[in-house]
């Protein structure tokens, strides 16, 4: 099967199909056969082929909706492919133990112990198969490297050939799966080692969680919000806690907890504290949504936080029930049904996220549209163009909806909306836009210069006018009502004045554009100056005030760049350059 997958993937690469259809076909080649290869005991089993068909149907639904969105979007978005791969991988991994247990028992209501063993074995089988592929390829490249030392390049050429890579990788993947599935003893030893590690980690992690929640009572949550990654941090802790708890609970066959009474109380307290962390993670995401609206990433983050909140609530209820029952009943008796129910919920949620039910781009486009509709004065050109290009097939529809809104019928909001709708690139370009919409002389008057700094010479304005017709970065300061400032100074100490053009509209991660004369005295764009840590409205306001006042300084690096001069036969080779890199 692995060899056949490699051959089909190679044929697909040379098929000439559209890239979207190639992506769908590749997913169908990889996932359903792998779903069957992880389960098969005999090929003449109708249930095996039915499982492969179900997996193919899931791939078709998820990938088909994604491809439809890409075909109707103004520009392809790599984030959509990432979400598709994550959704399919998780769906495959969560559904596989259920199907394997069904194949073994002949019914869907299977013992929790069977699901537990299958889930852990699957992860270890995949890891061992991947290790097998990497080791064999390492030996092959060692082989090629040894012969290359004696000027025999045949094996380097052979092992680099596309057909060889596809065929051998497919064959090695199949052999790795066969090896991992037939060597049960090493898999069992690896599983027991990981479970023992979880047993060691759980008391330590429980101590950290309990005292962290207690510390929040005295310190408050302001410091947590100030990190700007509170949700990701808290969800990471919850995922780790879930893993180690299941490593200790295992299949639920143990009559009591594998800890003395004091440690068991500590672990129970950490489980009861889990909903606090999960709630804080949900609040952190909610604050970002309230401040900036929904995005594709926040939809996925909210879905993950919601699932973790349900896990935390279920584990807390299991801990409370265990404490009430005491030592008379098995420890965390409710954990098994919680895990089973939520695994099915995860399957349904992943499917919904890749269909119109919970399409992240649809939700984010609607959210950003309503935010702009509520306050047209905040409709900067950047936000409008992001609405068009960053929300798949729904962005342009959202702009069309804004065009009929009373707040976008006239003035600057209307002008920026028309520029965003007419733009043909992810950043607005004026090349295809009517020039009569813009008054260059008025734009020169609007661009302010701080007191004590010289205004640019006429040739700079001529150069900037040319940039507004060729480069999208220059458009922002051209629009009427744009808030821009132009700073001047000899920052490279070449006795020539340089200019820094900054747009002060309210946006995150404020940027300025640097221009300077070259050796022939002609103006050239030198790139973007990015002011880091300017995400909040207060930070944007402060940096804007400092730029308006011209309070800007430079700091030169302690160490210069080093050069090794050399020349080729034409005598025009640049020197070898060395730059000091900061240590990790």
Protein backbone atom coordinates (compact mmCIF):
# COMPACT_ATOMS: atom_id res chain seq x y z
CA UNK A 1 0.00 0.00 0.00
CA UNK A 2 2.85 2.41 0.81
CA UNK A 3 4.51 1.70 -2.54
CA UNK A 4 1.19 2.26 -4.34
CA UNK A 5 0.70 5.56 -2.50
CA UNK A 6 4.16 6.73 -3.59
CA UNK A 7 3.48 5.80 -7.22
CA UNK A 8 0.09 7.54 -7.20
CA UNK A 9 1.57 10.68 -5.63
CA UNK A 10 4.29 10.72 -8.30
CA UNK A 11 1.70 10.33 -11.06
CA UNK A 12 -0.34 13.12 -9.50
CA UNK A 13 2.62 15.52 -9.58
CA UNK A 14 3.01 14.92 -13.31
CA UNK A 15 -0.72 14.84 -14.08
CA UNK A 16 -1.03 18.53 -15.00
CA UNK A 17 -4.11 18.95 -12.80
CA UNK A 18 -4.93 22.26 -11.18
CA UNK A 19 -3.14 22.71 -7.83
CA UNK A 20 -6.42 22.71 -5.91
CA UNK A 21 -7.44 19.37 -7.36
CA UNK A 22 -3.93 18.04 -6.80
CA UNK A 23 -4.23 18.94 -3.12
CA UNK A 24 -7.58 17.15 -2.80
CA UNK A 25 -6.32 14.09 -4.67
CA UNK A 26 -3.16 13.95 -2.53
CA UNK A 27 -5.24 13.98 0.66
CA UNK A 28 -7.37 11.15 -0.73
CA UNK A 29 -4.23 9.20 -1.62
CA UNK A 30 -2.68 9.61 1.83
CA UNK A 31 -5.34 9.64 4.56
CA UNK A 32 -7.97 6.93 3.74
CA UNK A 33 -5.35 4.26 2.85
CA UNK A 34 -3.37 5.16 6.00
CA UNK A 35 -6.62 4.89 7.98
CA UNK A 36 -7.02 1.35 6.60
CA UNK A 37 -3.34 0.40 6.96
CA UNK A 38 -3.45 1.18 10.69
CA UNK A 39 -6.46 -1.16 11.09
CA UNK A 40 -6.19 -4.01 8.61
CA UNK A 41 -5.85 -7.59 9.81
CA UNK A 42 -7.33 -9.15 6.68
CA UNK A 43 -8.26 -7.45 3.43
CA UNK A 44 -11.49 -9.39 2.86
CA UNK A 45 -13.43 -7.49 5.49
CA UNK A 46 -16.26 -5.24 4.36
CA UNK A 47 -15.96 -3.14 7.53
CA UNK A 48 -12.39 -2.23 6.62
CA UNK A 49 -13.41 -0.86 3.23
CA UNK A 50 -16.42 0.90 4.77
CA UNK A 51 -14.08 2.67 7.21
CA UNK A 52 -11.85 3.78 4.35
CA UNK A 53 -14.91 5.08 2.50
CA UNK A 54 -16.02 7.07 5.55
CA UNK A 55 -12.56 8.60 5.88
CA UNK A 56 -12.57 9.44 2.16
CA UNK A 57 -15.98 11.10 2.57
CA UNK A 58 -14.71 13.23 5.46
CA UNK A 59 -11.66 14.25 3.43
CA UNK A 60 -13.89 15.07 0.48
CA UNK A 61 -16.25 17.24 2.54
CA UNK A 62 -13.53 19.16 4.39
CA UNK A 63 -11.18 19.57 1.43
CA UNK A 64 -14.03 20.22 -1.01
CA UNK A 65 -15.31 23.15 1.04
CA UNK A 66 -11.78 24.52 1.39
CA UNK A 67 -11.14 24.28 -2.33
CA UNK A 68 -14.48 25.97 -3.08
CA UNK A 69 -13.45 28.85 -0.82
CA UNK A 70 -10.04 29.15 -2.47
CA UNK A 71 -11.55 29.18 -5.95
CA UNK A 72 -13.92 32.01 -5.04
CA UNK A 73 -11.41 33.99 -2.96
CA UNK A 74 -9.51 36.90 -4.54
CA UNK A 75 -6.23 35.43 -3.33
CA UNK A 76 -5.08 32.08 -1.92
CA UNK A 77 -4.45 32.07 1.81
CA UNK A 78 -1.96 29.57 3.21
CA UNK A 79 -3.71 29.70 6.59
CA UNK A 80 -6.67 27.87 5.05
CA UNK A 81 -4.48 24.94 4.02
CA UNK A 82 -2.93 24.85 7.49
CA UNK A 83 -6.38 24.70 9.10
CA UNK A 84 -7.43 21.94 6.69
CA UNK A 85 -4.34 19.84 7.48
CA UNK A 86 -4.80 20.33 11.23
CA UNK A 87 -8.52 19.45 11.08
CA UNK A 88 -7.99 16.32 8.98
CA UNK A 89 -5.02 15.12 11.02
CA UNK A 90 -6.90 15.51 14.31
CA UNK A 91 -10.06 13.94 12.90
CA UNK A 92 -8.03 10.99 11.59
CA UNK A 93 -6.25 10.49 14.91
CA UNK A 94 -9.37 10.80 17.12
CA UNK A 95 -11.61 8.64 14.90
CA UNK A 96 -9.03 5.87 14.35
CA UNK A 97 -9.22 4.27 17.86
CA UNK A 98 -13.02 4.11 17.62
CA UNK A 99 -12.82 2.33 14.29
CA UNK A 100 -10.04 -0.02 15.44
CA UNK A 101 -12.03 -0.97 18.54
CA UNK A 102 -15.12 -1.50 16.36
CA UNK A 103 -13.12 -3.82 14.08
CA UNK A 104 -11.91 -5.79 17.09
CA UNK A 105 -15.22 -6.05 18.99
CA UNK A 106 -17.79 -5.85 16.20
CA UNK A 107 -19.81 -3.08 17.87
CA UNK A 108 -19.49 0.66 18.52
CA UNK A 109 -20.06 0.45 22.28
CA UNK A 110 -16.58 -0.76 23.17
CA UNK A 111 -14.71 -0.86 26.50
CA UNK A 112 -12.80 2.27 27.38
CA UNK A 113 -9.66 0.17 27.90
CA UNK A 114 -9.68 -0.75 24.19
CA UNK A 115 -9.86 2.92 23.14
CA UNK A 116 -7.07 3.83 25.56
CA UNK A 117 -4.68 1.16 24.29
CA UNK A 118 -5.43 1.87 20.62
CA UNK A 119 -4.95 5.64 20.96
CA UNK A 120 -1.55 5.35 22.68
CA UNK A 121 -0.40 2.57 20.34
CA UNK A 122 -1.32 4.62 17.28
CA UNK A 123 0.86 7.53 18.36
CA UNK A 124 3.80 5.22 19.05
CA UNK A 125 3.34 3.28 15.80
CA UNK A 126 3.43 6.49 13.76
CA UNK A 127 6.50 7.70 15.66
CA UNK A 128 8.32 4.41 15.08
CA UNK A 129 7.37 4.36 11.38
CA UNK A 130 8.65 7.93 10.93
CA UNK A 131 11.89 6.99 12.69
CA UNK A 132 12.30 4.02 10.36
CA UNK A 133 11.91 6.25 7.27
CA UNK A 134 14.42 8.79 8.61
CA UNK A 135 17.02 6.15 9.51
CA UNK A 136 16.88 4.43 6.12
CA UNK A 137 17.14 7.75 4.29
CA UNK A 138 20.09 8.62 6.52
CA UNK A 139 21.85 5.43 5.47
CA UNK A 140 21.09 6.11 1.80
CA UNK A 141 22.57 9.62 1.99
CA UNK A 142 25.59 8.26 3.85
CA UNK A 143 26.00 5.82 0.99
CA UNK A 144 25.77 8.64 -1.57
CA UNK A 145 28.15 10.85 0.40
CA UNK A 146 30.82 8.16 0.66
CA UNK A 147 30.80 7.54 -3.09
CA UNK A 148 30.81 11.29 -3.76
CA UNK A 149 34.13 11.46 -1.89
CA UNK A 150 35.70 9.31 -4.65
CA UNK A 151 34.02 11.33 -7.42
CA UNK A 152 31.20 8.86 -8.06
CA UNK A 153 28.13 11.09 -8.23
CA UNK A 154 25.75 8.49 -9.62
CA UNK A 155 24.13 7.75 -6.26
CA UNK A 156 23.70 11.42 -5.37
CA UNK A 157 21.88 11.92 -8.67
CA UNK A 158 19.81 8.75 -8.21
CA UNK A 159 18.76 9.46 -4.63
CA UNK A 160 17.83 13.05 -5.55
CA UNK A 161 15.63 12.03 -8.48
CA UNK A 162 11.97 12.86 -7.92
CA UNK A 163 10.72 9.41 -8.93
CA UNK A 164 13.16 7.74 -6.54
CA UNK A 165 12.18 10.01 -3.62
CA UNK A 166 8.44 9.36 -4.06
CA UNK A 167 8.71 5.61 -4.62
CA UNK A 168 11.24 4.91 -1.86
CA UNK A 169 9.53 7.15 0.71
CA UNK A 170 6.19 5.42 0.04
CA UNK A 171 7.77 1.99 0.29
CA UNK A 172 9.66 2.87 3.48
CA UNK A 173 6.51 4.31 5.05
CA UNK A 174 4.63 1.08 4.41
CA UNK A 175 7.51 -1.02 5.72
CA UNK A 176 7.79 1.21 8.80
CA UNK A 177 4.08 0.77 9.58
CA UNK A 178 4.33 -2.99 9.08
CA UNK A 179 7.37 -3.16 11.36
CA UNK A 180 5.76 -1.02 14.06
CA UNK A 181 2.45 -2.93 13.98
CA UNK A 182 4.10 -6.34 14.19
CA UNK A 183 6.50 -5.47 17.02
CA UNK A 184 4.04 -5.26 19.90
CA UNK A 185 6.55 -5.73 22.67
CA UNK A 186 8.64 -2.59 21.92
CA UNK A 187 5.43 -0.57 21.55
CA UNK A 188 4.22 -1.83 24.91
CA UNK A 189 7.53 -0.98 26.56
CA UNK A 190 7.51 2.53 25.09
CA UNK A 191 3.91 3.03 26.23
CA UNK A 192 4.67 1.92 29.76
CA UNK A 193 7.69 4.24 29.86
CA UNK A 194 5.59 7.25 28.83
CA UNK A 195 2.88 6.35 31.34
CA UNK A 196 5.47 6.10 34.11
CA UNK A 197 6.80 9.51 33.13
CA UNK A 198 3.28 10.94 33.39
CA UNK A 199 2.92 9.39 36.84
CA UNK A 200 6.03 11.26 37.96
CA UNK A 201 4.96 14.56 36.43
CA UNK A 202 1.38 14.71 37.73
CA UNK A 203 2.12 15.61 41.39
CA UNK A 204 4.57 18.32 40.33
CA UNK A 205 2.14 19.81 37.80
CA UNK A 206 -0.69 19.57 40.31
CA UNK A 207 1.39 21.55 42.83
CA UNK A 208 2.05 24.24 40.21
CA UNK A 209 -1.62 24.55 39.21
CA UNK A 210 -3.00 24.73 42.72
CA UNK A 211 -0.58 27.38 43.92
CA UNK A 212 -0.89 29.37 40.70
CA UNK A 213 -4.66 29.60 41.17
CA UNK A 214 -4.16 30.61 44.81
CA UNK A 215 -1.60 33.24 43.75
CA UNK A 216 -4.11 34.77 41.34
CA UNK A 217 -6.33 35.60 44.32
CA UNK A 218 -3.64 37.97 45.62
CA UNK A 219 -1.98 39.20 42.40
CA UNK A 220 -5.02 39.56 40.14
CA UNK A 221 -5.08 38.78 36.43
CA UNK A 222 -3.70 42.06 35.03
CA UNK A 223 -0.20 40.63 34.75
CA UNK A 224 -1.61 37.62 32.92
CA UNK A 225 -3.33 39.82 30.33
CA UNK A 226 -0.14 41.90 29.92
CA UNK A 227 1.73 38.88 28.52
CA UNK A 228 -0.43 38.99 25.33
CA UNK A 229 -0.23 35.20 25.08
CA UNK A 230 -2.23 34.27 28.18
CA UNK A 231 -4.74 32.13 26.27
CA UNK A 232 -2.05 30.07 24.51
CA UNK A 233 -0.11 29.60 27.75
CA UNK A 234 -3.16 28.53 29.76
CA UNK A 235 -4.38 26.16 27.04
CA UNK A 236 -0.91 24.62 26.85
CA UNK A 237 -0.99 23.97 30.60
CA UNK A 238 -4.47 22.42 30.33
CA UNK A 239 -3.37 20.12 27.49
CA UNK A 240 -0.36 18.98 29.52
CA UNK A 241 -2.54 18.41 32.58
CA UNK A 242 -5.00 16.39 30.51
CA UNK A 243 -2.19 14.22 29.14
CA UNK A 244 -0.55 13.43 32.47
CA UNK A 245 -3.92 12.75 34.16
CA UNK A 246 -4.78 10.21 31.47
CA UNK A 247 -1.30 8.72 31.73
CA UNK A 248 -1.96 8.05 35.42
CA UNK A 249 -5.62 7.03 35.03
CA UNK A 250 -4.77 4.79 32.03
CA UNK A 251 -7.68 2.42 31.29
CA UNK A 252 -9.42 2.99 34.65
CA UNK A 253 -8.85 -0.59 35.81
CA UNK A 254 -6.92 0.43 38.94
CA UNK A 255 -9.00 0.22 42.10
CA UNK A 256 -7.36 3.26 43.68
CA UNK A 257 -5.05 6.16 42.85
CA UNK A 258 -1.33 5.28 42.59
CA UNK A 259 -0.47 7.94 45.20
CA UNK A 260 -0.65 8.26 48.98
CA UNK A 261 -3.57 10.21 50.42
CA UNK A 262 -1.86 13.63 50.56
CA UNK A 263 -0.72 13.51 46.93
CA UNK A 264 -4.14 12.24 45.86
CA UNK A 265 -5.76 15.24 47.53
CA UNK A 266 -3.28 17.52 45.75
CA UNK A 267 -4.10 15.95 42.38
CA UNK A 268 -7.85 16.22 43.04
CA UNK A 269 -7.40 19.88 43.97
CA UNK A 270 -5.55 20.53 40.70
CA UNK A 271 -8.39 18.92 38.73
CA UNK A 272 -10.93 21.07 40.56
CA UNK A 273 -8.78 24.13 39.69
CA UNK A 274 -8.72 23.30 35.96
CA UNK A 275 -12.01 25.13 35.17
CA UNK A 276 -10.48 28.32 36.60
CA UNK A 277 -7.62 28.17 34.10
CA UNK A 278 -9.97 27.20 31.27
CA UNK A 279 -12.29 30.10 32.09
CA UNK A 280 -9.36 32.53 32.12
CA UNK A 281 -8.27 31.23 28.69
CA UNK A 282 -11.79 31.80 27.34
CA UNK A 283 -11.87 35.30 28.86
CA UNK A 284 -8.49 36.13 27.30
CA UNK A 285 -9.76 35.14 23.85
CA UNK A 286 -12.99 37.03 24.48
CA UNK A 287 -11.08 40.20 25.35
CA UNK A 288 -9.13 40.01 22.08
CA UNK A 289 -12.33 39.42 20.13
CA UNK A 290 -14.03 42.34 21.84
CA UNK A 291 -11.07 44.61 21.10
CA UNK A 292 -10.21 43.53 17.55
CA UNK A 293 -13.07 41.31 16.36
CA UNK A 294 -13.03 37.74 15.09
CA UNK A 295 -10.29 36.37 12.84
CA UNK A 296 -9.71 32.88 11.47
CA UNK A 297 -7.13 32.19 14.16
CA UNK A 298 -9.42 33.41 16.95
CA UNK A 299 -12.29 31.20 15.76
CA UNK A 300 -10.01 28.17 16.02
CA UNK A 301 -8.62 29.36 19.35
CA UNK A 302 -12.14 29.81 20.72
CA UNK A 303 -13.11 26.31 19.57
CA UNK A 304 -10.02 24.82 21.23
CA UNK A 305 -10.62 26.81 24.43
CA UNK A 306 -14.26 25.70 24.51
CA UNK A 307 -13.30 22.02 24.21
CA UNK A 308 -10.64 22.40 26.92
CA UNK A 309 -13.21 24.12 29.16
CA UNK A 310 -15.51 21.12 28.80
CA UNK A 311 -12.62 18.76 29.55
CA UNK A 312 -11.71 20.83 32.60
CA UNK A 313 -15.31 20.84 33.83
CA UNK A 314 -15.64 17.10 33.31
CA UNK A 315 -12.36 16.35 35.09
CA UNK A 316 -13.32 18.66 37.97
CA UNK A 317 -16.67 16.86 38.34
CA UNK A 318 -14.85 13.51 38.27
CA UNK A 319 -12.51 14.73 41.03
CA UNK A 320 -15.40 16.02 43.18
CA UNK A 321 -17.23 12.71 42.75
CA UNK A 322 -14.07 10.81 43.66
CA UNK A 323 -13.58 12.88 46.80
CA UNK A 324 -17.19 12.33 47.87
CA UNK A 325 -17.00 8.57 47.30
CA UNK A 326 -13.66 8.25 49.10
CA UNK A 327 -11.59 5.08 48.82
CA UNK A 328 -14.69 2.89 48.45
CA UNK A 329 -14.91 3.49 44.69
CA UNK A 330 -12.29 3.52 41.90
CA UNK A 331 -10.38 6.79 41.56
CA UNK A 332 -11.80 9.29 38.99
CA UNK A 333 -14.57 6.92 37.97
CA UNK A 334 -16.20 9.49 35.66
CA UNK A 335 -13.07 10.16 33.61
CA UNK A 336 -13.74 7.41 31.04
CA UNK A 337 -17.23 8.60 29.98
CA UNK A 338 -16.01 12.20 29.88
CA UNK A 339 -13.17 11.26 27.51
CA UNK A 340 -15.45 9.18 25.29
CA UNK A 341 -18.15 11.83 25.00
CA UNK A 342 -15.76 14.70 24.35
CA UNK A 343 -13.80 12.76 21.73
CA UNK A 344 -17.03 12.44 19.72
CA UNK A 345 -17.68 16.16 20.27
CA UNK A 346 -14.20 16.93 18.90
CA UNK A 347 -14.98 14.96 15.74
CA UNK A 348 -18.19 16.91 15.20
CA UNK A 349 -16.51 20.25 15.92
CA UNK A 350 -13.63 19.61 13.51
CA UNK A 351 -16.10 18.77 10.78
CA UNK A 352 -18.12 21.92 11.53
CA UNK A 353 -15.02 24.13 11.39
CA UNK A 354 -14.30 22.96 7.83
CA UNK A 355 -17.89 23.42 6.60
CA UNK A 356 -20.25 26.42 6.38
CA UNK A 357 -21.49 25.75 9.94
CA UNK A 358 -18.42 27.28 11.65
CA UNK A 359 -16.37 28.57 8.74
CA UNK A 360 -13.76 30.83 10.36
CA UNK A 361 -13.44 33.12 7.35
CA UNK A 362 -17.20 33.65 7.19
CA UNK A 363 -17.38 34.49 10.90
CA UNK A 364 -14.35 36.79 10.78
CA UNK A 365 -15.55 38.65 7.68
CA UNK A 366 -18.93 39.30 9.29
CA UNK A 367 -17.30 40.45 12.51
CA UNK A 368 -14.92 42.90 10.83
CA UNK A 369 -17.71 44.22 8.60
CA UNK A 370 -19.90 45.00 11.59
CA UNK A 371 -17.03 46.69 13.44
CA UNK A 372 -16.38 48.97 10.47
CA UNK A 373 -20.09 49.63 10.02
CA UNK A 374 -20.40 50.64 13.68
CA UNK A 375 -17.59 53.23 13.36
CA UNK A 376 -16.78 54.28 9.77
CA UNK A 377 -14.17 56.74 11.07
CA UNK A 378 -11.97 53.75 11.96
CA UNK A 379 -12.16 52.36 8.42
CA UNK A 380 -8.52 52.87 7.49
CA UNK A 381 -7.31 51.74 4.09
CA UNK A 382 -5.33 48.95 5.71
CA UNK A 383 -8.39 47.53 7.50
CA UNK A 384 -10.53 47.71 4.36
CA UNK A 385 -7.95 46.00 2.15
CA UNK A 386 -7.41 43.36 4.83
CA UNK A 387 -11.17 42.75 4.80
CA UNK A 388 -11.03 42.11 1.06
CA UNK A 389 -7.90 39.95 0.91
CA UNK A 390 -7.78 38.22 4.30
CA UNK A 391 -11.22 36.59 4.56
CA UNK A 392 -11.51 34.29 1.58
CA UNK A 393 -14.66 34.52 -0.57
CA UNK A 394 -16.51 36.55 2.07
CA UNK A 395 -14.25 39.62 2.11
CA UNK A 396 -15.36 41.21 -1.13
CA UNK A 397 -19.02 40.53 -0.24
CA UNK A 398 -18.43 42.34 3.06
CA UNK A 399 -17.02 45.36 1.19
CA UNK A 400 -20.03 45.36 -1.12
CA UNK A 401 -22.28 45.36 1.94
CA UNK A 402 -20.41 48.34 3.38
CA UNK A 403 -20.84 50.22 0.09
CA UNK A 404 -24.59 50.38 0.73
CA UNK A 405 -24.19 51.47 4.35
CA UNK A 406 -25.04 55.15 5.11
CA UNK A 407 -21.69 55.67 6.85
CA UNK A 408 -19.79 54.89 3.63
CA UNK A 409 -21.77 57.03 1.18
CA UNK A 410 -19.43 60.04 1.16
CA UNK A 411 -16.22 61.52 2.48
CA UNK A 412 -12.98 59.77 3.32
CA UNK A 413 -14.65 56.48 4.26
CA UNK A 414 -16.23 56.26 0.80
CA UNK A 415 -12.96 57.11 -0.92
CA UNK A 416 -10.99 54.47 0.97
CA UNK A 417 -13.68 51.88 0.40
CA UNK A 418 -13.56 52.44 -3.36
CA UNK A 419 -9.75 52.20 -3.35
CA UNK A 420 -9.92 48.92 -1.40
CA UNK A 421 -12.58 47.45 -3.69
CA UNK A 422 -10.58 48.37 -6.80
CA UNK A 423 -7.23 47.14 -5.49
CA UNK A 424 -5.73 44.20 -7.36
CA UNK A 425 -3.07 43.24 -4.81
CA UNK A 426 -3.07 42.30 -1.14
CA UNK A 427 -1.73 45.80 -0.52
CA UNK A 428 -3.48 48.60 -2.37
CA UNK A 429 -1.80 49.76 -5.55
CA UNK A 430 -2.65 52.95 -7.41
CA UNK A 431 -1.56 51.60 -10.77
CA UNK A 432 -5.10 50.62 -11.74
CA UNK A 433 -6.93 53.39 -9.90
CA UNK A 434 -8.13 56.71 -11.37
CA UNK A 435 -5.61 59.47 -10.73
CA UNK A 436 -8.25 62.19 -10.50
CA UNK A 437 -9.27 60.85 -7.07
CA UNK A 438 -6.04 62.13 -5.50
CA UNK A 439 -4.69 65.64 -5.06
CA UNK A 440 -0.89 65.42 -4.81
CA UNK A 441 -0.42 69.08 -3.91
CA UNK A 442 -2.93 68.80 -1.08
CA UNK A 443 -1.22 65.61 0.12
CA UNK A 444 2.11 67.49 0.35
CA UNK A 445 0.48 70.10 2.53
CA UNK A 446 -1.10 67.49 4.81
CA UNK A 447 2.17 65.66 5.47
CA UNK A 448 3.63 67.46 8.48
CA UNK A 449 7.27 67.87 9.46
CA UNK A 450 8.32 68.22 13.14
CA UNK A 451 9.69 71.54 14.27
CA UNK A 452 13.41 71.85 13.64
CA UNK A 453 13.47 69.34 10.79
CA UNK A 454 13.90 70.39 7.16
CA UNK A 455 11.18 69.87 4.56
CA UNK A 456 12.22 67.66 1.62
CA UNK A 457 13.64 69.20 -1.52
CA UNK A 458 11.44 69.25 -4.64
CA UNK A 459 13.15 66.22 -6.18
CA UNK A 460 12.06 64.11 -3.18
CA UNK A 461 8.43 65.09 -3.77
CA UNK A 462 8.80 64.16 -7.44
CA UNK A 463 10.26 60.80 -6.44
CA UNK A 464 7.48 60.21 -3.88
CA UNK A 465 4.84 61.08 -6.50
CA UNK A 466 6.32 58.38 -8.71
CA UNK A 467 6.17 55.91 -5.82
CA UNK A 468 2.45 56.56 -5.36
CA UNK A 469 1.90 55.28 -8.89
CA UNK A 470 4.17 52.23 -8.64
CA UNK A 471 4.43 51.14 -5.00
CA UNK A 472 1.49 50.33 -2.69
CA UNK A 473 3.22 51.55 0.48
CA UNK A 474 3.07 55.19 -0.67
CA UNK A 475 -0.70 55.25 -1.17
CA UNK A 476 -1.73 55.65 2.48
CA UNK A 477 -0.39 59.21 2.83
CA UNK A 478 -1.89 60.20 -0.52
CA UNK A 479 -5.52 59.87 0.56
CA UNK A 480 -7.41 62.86 1.85
CA UNK A 481 -7.55 62.92 5.63
CA UNK A 482 -4.47 60.73 5.99
CA UNK A 483 -2.46 61.39 9.15
CA UNK A 484 1.22 61.28 8.15
CA UNK A 485 4.47 62.82 9.37
CA UNK A 486 7.79 63.18 7.54
CA UNK A 487 11.01 63.16 9.59
CA UNK A 488 14.41 64.25 8.27
CA UNK A 489 17.95 63.54 9.43
CA UNK A 490 21.36 62.23 8.42
CA UNK A 491 20.96 58.86 10.11
CA UNK A 492 23.66 57.03 8.09
CA UNK A 493 26.14 59.96 8.49
CA UNK A 494 26.87 60.30 4.77
CA UNK A 495 26.36 64.10 4.80
CA UNK A 496 23.05 63.61 2.96
CA UNK A 497 19.55 64.16 4.39
CA UNK A 498 17.40 61.06 4.75
CA UNK A 499 13.62 60.99 5.16
CA UNK A 500 11.31 58.79 7.22
CA UNK A 501 7.63 58.84 6.13
CA UNK A 502 5.26 57.52 8.81
CA UNK A 503 1.51 56.94 8.69
CA UNK A 504 -0.04 57.62 12.09
CA UNK A 505 -3.41 55.97 11.58
CA UNK A 506 -4.46 53.76 14.49
CA UNK A 507 -3.06 50.31 13.73
CA UNK A 508 -0.92 47.65 15.35
CA UNK A 509 2.84 47.38 14.84
CA UNK A 510 3.33 50.88 13.42
CA UNK A 511 5.66 51.19 10.41
CA UNK A 512 7.60 53.97 8.67
CA UNK A 513 9.30 54.04 5.27
CA UNK A 514 12.92 55.18 4.94
CA UNK A 515 14.31 56.86 1.81
CA UNK A 516 17.85 58.09 1.07
CA UNK A 517 20.04 59.16 -1.85
CA UNK A 518 22.23 56.61 -3.59
CA UNK A 519 25.78 57.16 -4.86
CA UNK A 520 24.44 58.96 -7.95
CA UNK A 521 22.30 61.30 -5.85
CA UNK A 522 19.02 59.62 -6.77
CA UNK A 523 16.37 58.87 -4.15
CA UNK A 524 15.86 55.21 -3.29
CA UNK A 525 13.51 53.32 -1.00
CA UNK A 526 15.58 51.78 1.79
CA UNK A 527 12.86 49.65 3.39
CA UNK A 528 10.52 49.68 6.36
CA UNK A 529 11.21 50.70 9.95
CA UNK A 530 8.96 48.64 12.25
CA UNK A 531 8.24 49.95 15.74
CA UNK A 532 7.84 46.85 17.88
CA UNK A 533 5.45 46.49 20.82
CA UNK A 534 2.95 49.02 19.46
CA UNK A 535 -0.22 46.95 19.57
CA UNK A 536 -2.54 48.74 21.99
CA UNK A 537 -4.30 52.02 21.34
CA UNK A 538 -2.28 53.71 24.10
CA UNK A 539 1.03 52.56 22.59
CA UNK A 540 -0.09 53.74 19.16
CA UNK A 541 -1.05 57.14 20.56
CA UNK A 542 2.27 57.51 22.39
CA UNK A 543 4.42 56.58 19.38
CA UNK A 544 2.35 58.92 17.21
CA UNK A 545 2.96 61.83 19.59
CA UNK A 546 6.70 61.12 19.70
CA UNK A 547 6.95 60.97 15.91
CA UNK A 548 4.98 64.22 15.49
CA UNK A 549 7.44 65.93 17.86
CA UNK A 550 10.42 64.46 16.00
CA UNK A 551 11.80 62.87 19.15
CA UNK A 552 13.71 60.15 17.35
CA UNK A 553 17.26 58.93 18.00
CA UNK A 554 19.44 56.18 16.57
CA UNK A 555 21.63 53.58 18.24
CA UNK A 556 24.55 52.13 16.31
CA UNK A 557 25.60 48.50 16.85
CA UNK A 558 28.71 47.91 18.88
CA UNK A 559 30.23 45.59 16.30
CA UNK A 560 30.49 46.42 12.58
CA UNK A 561 30.08 44.10 9.60
CA UNK A 562 33.27 42.38 8.48
CA UNK A 563 34.34 41.96 4.82
CA UNK A 564 36.72 39.72 2.90
CA UNK A 565 37.50 41.29 -0.50
CA UNK A 566 37.73 39.03 -3.52
CA UNK A 567 37.42 39.27 -7.29
CA UNK A 568 36.38 36.84 -10.00
CA UNK A 569 37.60 36.80 -13.56
CA UNK A 570 35.43 39.81 -14.41
CA UNK A 571 36.60 41.71 -11.33
CA UNK A 572 33.09 42.58 -10.21
CA UNK A 573 32.38 40.20 -7.32
CA UNK A 574 31.09 41.75 -4.09
CA UNK A 575 33.12 41.07 -0.96
CA UNK A 576 32.28 38.25 1.41
CA UNK A 577 30.38 39.81 4.33
CA UNK A 578 30.22 38.64 7.93
CA UNK A 579 27.69 39.92 10.47
CA UNK A 580 27.64 39.18 14.17
CA UNK A 581 24.56 37.16 15.10
CA UNK A 582 23.00 37.42 18.54
CA UNK A 583 23.31 34.21 20.59
CA UNK A 584 20.20 32.08 21.02
